[in-house]
Amino acid sequence: MSRSLKKELFINPKLKKKIDEYNKKIAELLKQGDEQKEIDKIYSNPIKVWSRSSTIYPEMIGFTIEIHKGKGFTKRQITQNMVGHKLGVFSPTRKTGKKGKAGTH
């Protein structure tokens, strides 16, 4: 069953605030006509996220995000195809089994 359309998408407030701040910086740099290198630096600087249940929204496209997977982080660049999905979908929490001798995994 899908989520009710009456409800808003869940986005962690800290993550939303950080994305909004970065988007404001990028808008200011574009107005000033600064070099593209500075804008690329903002996009490539990873944002660490522990909230796997946050929904990806269109303003996040282009940013690099590190998603917590229990022990470490998975680095992902947000693309158009990811919009509407939860962050946790793109960061598996379990190791895959290794084939070989019995009892080695």
C-alpha atoms as a PDB file:
ATOM      1  CA  MET A   1       0.000   0.000   0.000  1.00  0.00           C
ATOM      2  CA  SER A   2       1.386   3.402  -0.900  1.00  0.00           C
ATOM      3  CA  ARG A   3       1.751   6.421   1.339  1.00  0.00           C
ATOM      4  CA  SER A   4      -1.240   8.736   1.697  1.00  0.00           C
ATOM      5  CA  LEU A   5      -1.183  11.692  -0.690  1.00  0.00           C
ATOM      6  CA  LYS A   6      -2.408  13.943   2.137  1.00  0.00           C
ATOM      7  CA  LYS A   7       0.887  13.551   3.958  1.00  0.00           C
ATOM      8  CA  GLU A   8       4.007  15.449   2.971  1.00  0.00           C
ATOM      9  CA  LEU A   9       7.206  13.643   2.067  1.00  0.00           C
ATOM     10  CA  PHE A  10       9.503  13.031   5.028  1.00  0.00           C
ATOM     11  CA  ILE A  11      12.755  14.972   4.808  1.00  0.00           C
ATOM     12  CA  ASN A  12      15.067  15.281   7.794  1.00  0.00           C
ATOM     13  CA  PRO A  13      15.003  18.985   8.805  1.00  0.00           C
ATOM     14  CA  LYS A  14      18.800  19.131   9.230  1.00  0.00           C
ATOM     15  CA  LEU A  15      19.344  17.660   5.765  1.00  0.00           C
ATOM     16  CA  LYS A  16      16.824  20.061   4.196  1.00  0.00           C
ATOM     17  CA  LYS A  17      18.483  23.027   5.917  1.00  0.00           C
ATOM     18  CA  LYS A  18      21.932  21.984   4.671  1.00  0.00           C
ATOM     19  CA  ILE A  19      20.718  21.461   1.073  1.00  0.00           C
ATOM     20  CA  ASP A  20      18.945  24.850   1.134  1.00  0.00           C
ATOM     21  CA  GLU A  21      22.124  26.574   2.402  1.00  0.00           C
ATOM     22  CA  TYR A  22      24.210  24.998  -0.363  1.00  0.00           C
ATOM     23  CA  ASN A  23      21.636  25.965  -3.004  1.00  0.00           C
ATOM     24  CA  LYS A  24      21.733  29.594  -1.757  1.00  0.00           C
ATOM     25  CA  LYS A  25      25.543  29.603  -2.002  1.00  0.00           C
ATOM     26  CA  ILE A  26      25.357  28.246  -5.543  1.00  0.00           C
ATOM     27  CA  ALA A  27      22.762  30.892  -6.518  1.00  0.00           C
ATOM     28  CA  GLU A  28      25.008  33.658  -5.129  1.00  0.00           C
ATOM     29  CA  LEU A  29      28.027  32.304  -7.013  1.00  0.00           C
ATOM     30  CA  LEU A  30      26.026  32.196 -10.243  1.00  0.00           C
ATOM     31  CA  LYS A  31      24.912  35.821  -9.762  1.00  0.00           C
ATOM     32  CA  GLN A  32      28.505  36.923  -9.202  1.00  0.00           C
ATOM     33  CA  GLY A  33      29.659  35.006 -12.252  1.00  0.00           C
ATOM     34  CA  ASP A  34      32.348  33.140 -10.311  1.00  0.00           C
ATOM     35  CA  GLU A  35      34.252  30.182 -11.669  1.00  0.00           C
ATOM     36  CA  GLN A  36      32.511  26.868 -12.189  1.00  0.00           C
ATOM     37  CA  LYS A  37      35.204  25.194 -10.061  1.00  0.00           C
ATOM     38  CA  GLU A  38      33.739  26.620  -6.848  1.00  0.00           C
ATOM     39  CA  ILE A  39      30.258  25.393  -7.735  1.00  0.00           C
ATOM     40  CA  ASP A  40      31.601  21.942  -8.618  1.00  0.00           C
ATOM     41  CA  LYS A  41      33.417  21.886  -5.281  1.00  0.00           C
ATOM     42  CA  ILE A  42      30.119  22.447  -3.437  1.00  0.00           C
ATOM     43  CA  TYR A  43      28.407  19.660  -5.400  1.00  0.00           C
ATOM     44  CA  SER A  44      31.254  17.176  -4.874  1.00  0.00           C
ATOM     45  CA  ASN A  45      31.722  17.905  -1.139  1.00  0.00           C
ATOM     46  CA  PRO A  46      29.839  14.957   0.458  1.00  0.00           C
ATOM     47  CA  ILE A  47      27.023  15.527   2.936  1.00  0.00           C
ATOM     48  CA  LYS A  48      26.850  12.834   5.649  1.00  0.00           C
ATOM     49  CA  VAL A  49      23.329  11.590   6.339  1.00  0.00           C
ATOM     50  CA  TRP A  50      22.164   9.211   9.070  1.00  0.00           C
ATOM     51  CA  SER A  51      18.474   9.519   8.178  1.00  0.00           C
ATOM     52  CA  ARG A  52      17.878   6.688   5.695  1.00  0.00           C
ATOM     53  CA  SER A  53      14.124   7.366   5.732  1.00  0.00           C
ATOM     54  CA  SER A  54      14.431  10.824   4.159  1.00  0.00           C
ATOM     55  CA  THR A  55      12.909  11.161   0.704  1.00  0.00           C
ATOM     56  CA  ILE A  56      15.026  12.485  -2.160  1.00  0.00           C
ATOM     57  CA  TYR A  57      13.518  15.692  -3.563  1.00  0.00           C
ATOM     58  CA  PRO A  58      14.432  17.615  -6.773  1.00  0.00           C
ATOM     59  CA  GLU A  59      16.624  20.259  -5.060  1.00  0.00           C
ATOM     60  CA  MET A  60      19.063  17.485  -4.061  1.00  0.00           C
ATOM     61  CA  ILE A  61      19.977  16.576  -7.664  1.00  0.00           C
ATOM     62  CA  GLY A  62      23.701  16.851  -8.310  1.00  0.00           C
ATOM     63  CA  PHE A  63      24.839  16.680  -4.677  1.00  0.00           C
ATOM     64  CA  THR A  64      27.084  13.922  -3.351  1.00  0.00           C
ATOM     65  CA  ILE A  65      25.652  12.302  -0.235  1.00  0.00           C
ATOM     66  CA  GLU A  66      27.162   9.740   2.139  1.00  0.00           C
ATOM     67  CA  ILE A  67      24.362   7.505   3.464  1.00  0.00           C
ATOM     68  CA  HIS A  68      24.877   5.661   6.767  1.00  0.00           C
ATOM     69  CA  LYS A  69      24.692   1.875   6.460  1.00  0.00           C
ATOM     70  CA  GLY A  70      25.170   0.827  10.081  1.00  0.00           C
ATOM     71  CA  LYS A  71      28.949   0.596  10.267  1.00  0.00           C
ATOM     72  CA  GLY A  72      30.125   2.954   7.545  1.00  0.00           C
ATOM     73  CA  PHE A  73      28.845   5.194   4.794  1.00  0.00           C
ATOM     74  CA  THR A  74      27.985   4.672   1.123  1.00  0.00           C
ATOM     75  CA  LYS A  75      28.805   7.599  -1.170  1.00  0.00           C
ATOM     76  CA  ARG A  76      26.174   8.342  -3.840  1.00  0.00           C
ATOM     77  CA  GLN A  77      25.650  11.163  -6.311  1.00  0.00           C
ATOM     78  CA  ILE A  78      21.974  12.102  -6.530  1.00  0.00           C
ATOM     79  CA  THR A  79      20.530  11.862 -10.052  1.00  0.00           C
ATOM     80  CA  GLN A  80      17.132  12.586 -11.619  1.00  0.00           C
ATOM     81  CA  ASN A  81      16.127   8.899 -11.470  1.00  0.00           C
ATOM     82  CA  MET A  82      16.483   8.827  -7.659  1.00  0.00           C
ATOM     83  CA  VAL A  83      13.891  11.545  -6.962  1.00  0.00           C
ATOM     84  CA  GLY A  84      10.963  10.225  -4.912  1.00  0.00           C
ATOM     85  CA  HIS A  85      12.875   7.290  -3.414  1.00  0.00           C
ATOM     86  CA  LYS A  86      14.166   7.001   0.148  1.00  0.00           C
ATOM     87  CA  LEU A  87      17.905   7.424   0.775  1.00  0.00           C
ATOM     88  CA  GLY A  88      18.123   3.977   2.393  1.00  0.00           C
ATOM     89  CA  VAL A  89      17.253   2.275  -0.897  1.00  0.00           C
ATOM     90  CA  PHE A  90      20.662   3.241  -2.310  1.00  0.00           C
ATOM     91  CA  SER A  91      22.753   2.038   0.649  1.00  0.00           C
ATOM     92  CA  PRO A  92      22.516  -1.707   1.400  1.00  0.00           C
ATOM     93  CA  THR A  93      23.034  -2.632   5.055  1.00  0.00           C
ATOM     94  CA  ARG A  94      23.847  -6.313   4.621  1.00  0.00           C
ATOM     95  CA  LYS A  95      26.888  -8.024   3.181  1.00  0.00           C
ATOM     96  CA  THR A  96      26.404 -10.423   0.309  1.00  0.00           C
ATOM     97  CA  GLY A  97      27.282 -14.054   0.940  1.00  0.00           C
ATOM     98  CA  LYS A  98      30.556 -15.338  -0.462  1.00  0.00           C
ATOM     99  CA  LYS A  99      30.692 -18.649  -2.298  1.00  0.00           C
ATOM    100  CA  GLY A 100      33.375 -21.112  -1.378  1.00  0.00           C
ATOM    101  CA  LYS A 101      34.071 -23.517   1.466  1.00  0.00           C
ATOM    102  CA  ALA A 102      31.364 -24.234   3.979  1.00  0.00           C
ATOM    103  CA  GLY A 103      31.508 -22.051   7.064  1.00  0.00           C
ATOM    104  CA  THR A 104      33.767 -19.360   5.580  1.00  0.00           C
ATOM    105  CA  HIS A 105      31.208 -16.570   5.512  1.00  0.00           C
END
